[in-house]
Amino acid sequence: MTPNLPTPYYVVIFTSEKLSNIEGYDEVAAEMEELAKQQPGYLGMDFVSGEMSVTMSYWKDEASILHWKRNADHLMAQKMGREKWYKSYTTQVARVERAYNFIKPE
């Protein structure tokens, strides 16, 4: 879980439902995660996988998100996702004004 980040920041919430045959998906997803880490304004990422998957990536500002959205390798991965892996997906972008966390003491 990504620790609290200095607010405000932005989160891109990508919720997806995959098709049954996702050959090659894991490799491309790992490549995109590594590539995202190299982008200006990248702050972190969390994901939950199951029948529905949710990936939350955190960014310094909207300009950083748009830069990532237009990255050529990312555009190719998006195209592959629509053609091969996703039954459906939703992308949401939000500005985080406040964030809180809790960690149970041991």
Protein backbone atom coordinates (compact mmCIF):
# COMPACT_ATOMS: atom_id res chain seq x y z
CA MET A 1 0.00 0.00 0.00
CA THR A 2 1.40 3.37 -0.98
CA PRO A 3 2.05 5.49 2.14
CA ASN A 4 0.39 8.86 2.55
CA LEU A 5 1.65 11.28 -0.06
CA PRO A 6 1.80 15.06 0.36
CA THR A 7 -1.53 16.50 -0.72
CA PRO A 8 -2.83 17.55 -3.08
CA TYR A 9 -1.99 14.90 -5.66
CA TYR A 10 -3.87 13.04 -8.36
CA VAL A 11 -4.98 9.44 -8.63
CA VAL A 12 -5.87 7.55 -11.79
CA ILE A 13 -8.21 4.67 -10.93
CA PHE A 14 -8.28 1.98 -13.61
CA THR A 15 -10.95 -0.69 -13.00
CA SER A 16 -11.00 -3.58 -15.45
CA GLU A 17 -12.64 -6.90 -16.21
CA LYS A 18 -10.40 -9.19 -18.21
CA LEU A 19 -11.31 -11.76 -20.82
CA SER A 20 -10.55 -15.43 -20.08
CA ASN A 21 -7.44 -15.63 -22.31
CA ILE A 22 -4.93 -13.01 -21.20
CA GLU A 23 -1.75 -14.53 -22.59
CA GLY A 24 1.05 -11.98 -22.44
CA TYR A 25 -0.85 -9.63 -20.13
CA ASP A 26 1.32 -10.08 -17.03
CA GLU A 27 4.52 -9.33 -18.92
CA VAL A 28 3.14 -6.16 -20.50
CA ALA A 29 1.61 -5.03 -17.18
CA ALA A 30 5.02 -5.42 -15.48
CA GLU A 31 6.70 -3.46 -18.29
CA MET A 32 4.13 -0.66 -17.96
CA GLU A 33 4.61 -0.50 -14.20
CA GLU A 34 8.37 -0.12 -14.64
CA LEU A 35 7.90 2.46 -17.39
CA ALA A 36 5.40 4.45 -15.29
CA LYS A 37 7.96 4.66 -12.47
CA GLN A 38 10.30 6.49 -14.85
CA GLN A 39 7.75 9.17 -15.80
CA PRO A 40 7.96 12.72 -14.45
CA GLY A 41 5.45 13.30 -11.66
CA TYR A 42 4.93 9.59 -10.85
CA LEU A 43 4.35 9.06 -7.10
CA GLY A 44 3.38 5.40 -6.73
CA MET A 45 0.94 2.64 -7.56
CA ASP A 46 -1.39 0.19 -5.80
CA PHE A 47 -3.40 -2.63 -7.31
CA VAL A 48 -5.89 -5.30 -6.36
CA SER A 49 -6.48 -8.26 -8.63
CA GLY A 50 -9.41 -10.64 -8.76
CA GLU A 51 -12.44 -11.06 -10.99
CA MET A 52 -12.31 -7.28 -11.26
CA SER A 53 -8.92 -5.58 -11.08
CA VAL A 54 -8.26 -2.10 -9.76
CA THR A 55 -5.02 -0.22 -10.38
CA MET A 56 -4.49 3.15 -8.73
CA SER A 57 -1.57 5.24 -9.90
CA TYR A 58 -0.62 8.43 -8.11
CA TRP A 59 0.69 11.55 -9.84
CA LYS A 60 1.96 15.00 -8.90
CA ASP A 61 -0.33 16.84 -11.33
CA GLU A 62 -2.60 16.51 -14.34
CA ALA A 63 0.23 17.37 -16.75
CA SER A 64 2.11 14.26 -15.54
CA ILE A 65 -0.96 12.11 -16.15
CA LEU A 66 -1.39 13.46 -19.68
CA HIS A 67 2.30 12.87 -20.41
CA TRP A 68 1.93 9.22 -19.29
CA LYS A 69 -1.32 8.79 -21.23
CA ARG A 70 0.46 9.90 -24.43
CA ASN A 71 3.58 7.74 -23.95
CA ALA A 72 4.06 5.67 -27.13
CA ASP A 73 4.67 2.37 -25.31
CA HIS A 74 1.70 3.00 -23.04
CA LEU A 75 -0.50 3.78 -26.07
CA MET A 76 0.53 0.44 -27.61
CA ALA A 77 -0.29 -1.40 -24.38
CA GLN A 78 -3.70 0.31 -24.27
CA LYS A 79 -4.40 -0.83 -27.83
CA MET A 80 -3.38 -4.40 -26.98
CA GLY A 81 -5.63 -4.29 -23.93
CA ARG A 82 -8.69 -3.29 -25.97
CA GLU A 83 -7.94 -5.89 -28.66
CA LYS A 84 -6.81 -8.85 -26.53
CA TRP A 85 -7.32 -8.67 -22.77
CA TYR A 86 -10.18 -6.48 -21.56
CA LYS A 87 -13.87 -7.24 -21.54
CA SER A 88 -14.42 -3.75 -20.09
CA TYR A 89 -12.64 -1.01 -18.20
CA THR A 90 -13.24 2.36 -16.60
CA THR A 91 -10.68 5.08 -15.96
CA GLN A 92 -11.29 7.80 -13.40
CA VAL A 93 -9.02 10.72 -12.53
CA ALA A 94 -9.39 12.52 -9.21
CA ARG A 95 -7.58 15.15 -7.19
CA VAL A 96 -6.86 14.02 -3.63
CA GLU A 97 -7.21 16.86 -1.14
CA ARG A 98 -6.77 14.81 2.05
CA ALA A 99 -5.62 11.27 2.75
CA TYR A 100 -5.48 9.25 5.97
CA ASN A 101 -4.13 5.86 6.89
CA PHE A 102 -4.06 3.48 9.82
CA ILE A 103 -1.47 0.90 10.76
CA LYS A 104 -2.26 -1.40 13.65
CA PRO A 105 0.54 -1.36 16.21
CA GLU A 106 2.22 -4.70 16.79
